[in-house]
Amino acid sequence: MANPATSAHARRADRVIAGSYFYAETSAYVGSTIQRIGNRGGIMLPDLLGMRLAVFLAVFVPLLVLGLFVMAQLAP
């Protein structure tokens, strides 16, 4: 009788192989069509918000630290 854990690993391996094959077959098409939609080069969040980098960092970094601190306090 086959070990259920081994069967699960074999099915998972089959999915990984199938996914890799699917990616290999579709990557050229996706790269030439869909991925070009979002290709804007080196655009950064401050550029999108119309802010200078120094001002953006002066506002964003403290907000990020505060958010991480609050999450750490609320985590069980």
Protein backbone atom coordinates (compact mmCIF):
# COMPACT_ATOMS: atom_id res chain seq x y z
CA MET A 1 0.00 0.00 0.00
CA ALA A 2 1.32 3.45 -0.88
CA ASN A 3 2.22 5.87 1.85
CA PRO A 4 -0.31 8.79 1.76
CA ALA A 5 2.43 11.32 2.46
CA THR A 6 4.47 10.00 -0.47
CA SER A 7 1.43 10.21 -2.73
CA ALA A 8 0.85 13.82 -1.71
CA HIS A 9 4.49 14.67 -2.46
CA ALA A 10 4.22 12.97 -5.85
CA ARG A 11 1.09 14.97 -6.71
CA ARG A 12 2.79 18.17 -5.59
CA ALA A 13 5.84 17.35 -7.71
CA ASP A 14 3.57 16.72 -10.70
CA ARG A 15 1.97 20.14 -10.21
CA VAL A 16 5.36 21.83 -9.98
CA ILE A 17 6.50 20.17 -13.20
CA ALA A 18 3.24 21.04 -14.97
CA GLY A 19 3.44 24.64 -13.75
CA SER A 20 7.04 24.95 -14.90
CA TYR A 21 6.12 23.60 -18.32
CA PHE A 22 3.14 25.98 -18.57
CA TYR A 23 5.34 28.93 -17.59
CA ALA A 24 8.00 27.97 -20.14
CA GLU A 25 5.42 27.71 -22.90
CA THR A 26 3.64 30.99 -22.10
CA SER A 27 6.48 33.25 -20.89
CA ALA A 28 7.35 34.56 -24.36
CA TYR A 29 3.74 35.58 -25.04
CA VAL A 30 3.24 37.11 -21.60
CA GLY A 31 6.54 38.98 -21.85
CA SER A 32 5.66 40.50 -25.19
CA THR A 33 2.08 41.48 -24.35
CA ILE A 34 0.89 41.68 -20.76
CA GLN A 35 4.17 42.61 -19.05
CA ARG A 36 4.66 45.58 -21.39
CA ILE A 37 1.54 47.24 -19.98
CA GLY A 38 3.19 47.97 -16.63
CA ASN A 39 6.69 48.62 -17.97
CA ARG A 40 7.32 52.22 -16.95
CA GLY A 41 11.01 51.92 -16.20
CA GLY A 42 12.33 53.31 -12.95
CA ILE A 43 9.21 55.09 -11.72
CA MET A 44 9.04 55.34 -7.95
CA LEU A 45 6.29 56.18 -5.47
CA PRO A 46 7.52 59.76 -4.87
CA ASP A 47 7.32 60.34 -8.63
CA LEU A 48 3.72 59.15 -8.68
CA LEU A 49 2.84 61.38 -5.74
CA GLY A 50 4.70 64.37 -7.17
CA MET A 51 7.00 64.73 -4.15
CA ARG A 52 10.74 65.14 -3.82
CA LEU A 53 12.47 62.02 -2.52
CA ALA A 54 13.73 63.71 0.68
CA VAL A 55 10.24 64.97 1.59
CA PHE A 56 8.69 61.59 0.80
CA LEU A 57 11.21 59.79 3.01
CA ALA A 58 10.74 62.30 5.83
CA VAL A 59 7.01 61.51 5.81
CA PHE A 60 7.00 57.84 4.88
CA VAL A 61 9.75 56.42 7.12
CA PRO A 62 8.17 57.59 10.41
CA LEU A 63 4.77 56.33 9.23
CA LEU A 64 6.30 52.97 8.38
CA VAL A 65 8.06 52.71 11.75
CA LEU A 66 4.87 53.72 13.58
CA GLY A 67 2.83 51.17 11.63
CA LEU A 68 5.30 48.39 12.40
CA PHE A 69 5.37 49.37 16.07
CA VAL A 70 1.57 49.32 16.29
CA MET A 71 1.42 45.93 14.56
CA ALA A 72 4.00 44.53 16.99
CA GLN A 73 1.96 45.79 19.93
CA LEU A 74 -1.29 44.33 18.60
CA ALA A 75 0.17 40.95 17.67
CA PRO A 76 -0.56 38.16 20.16
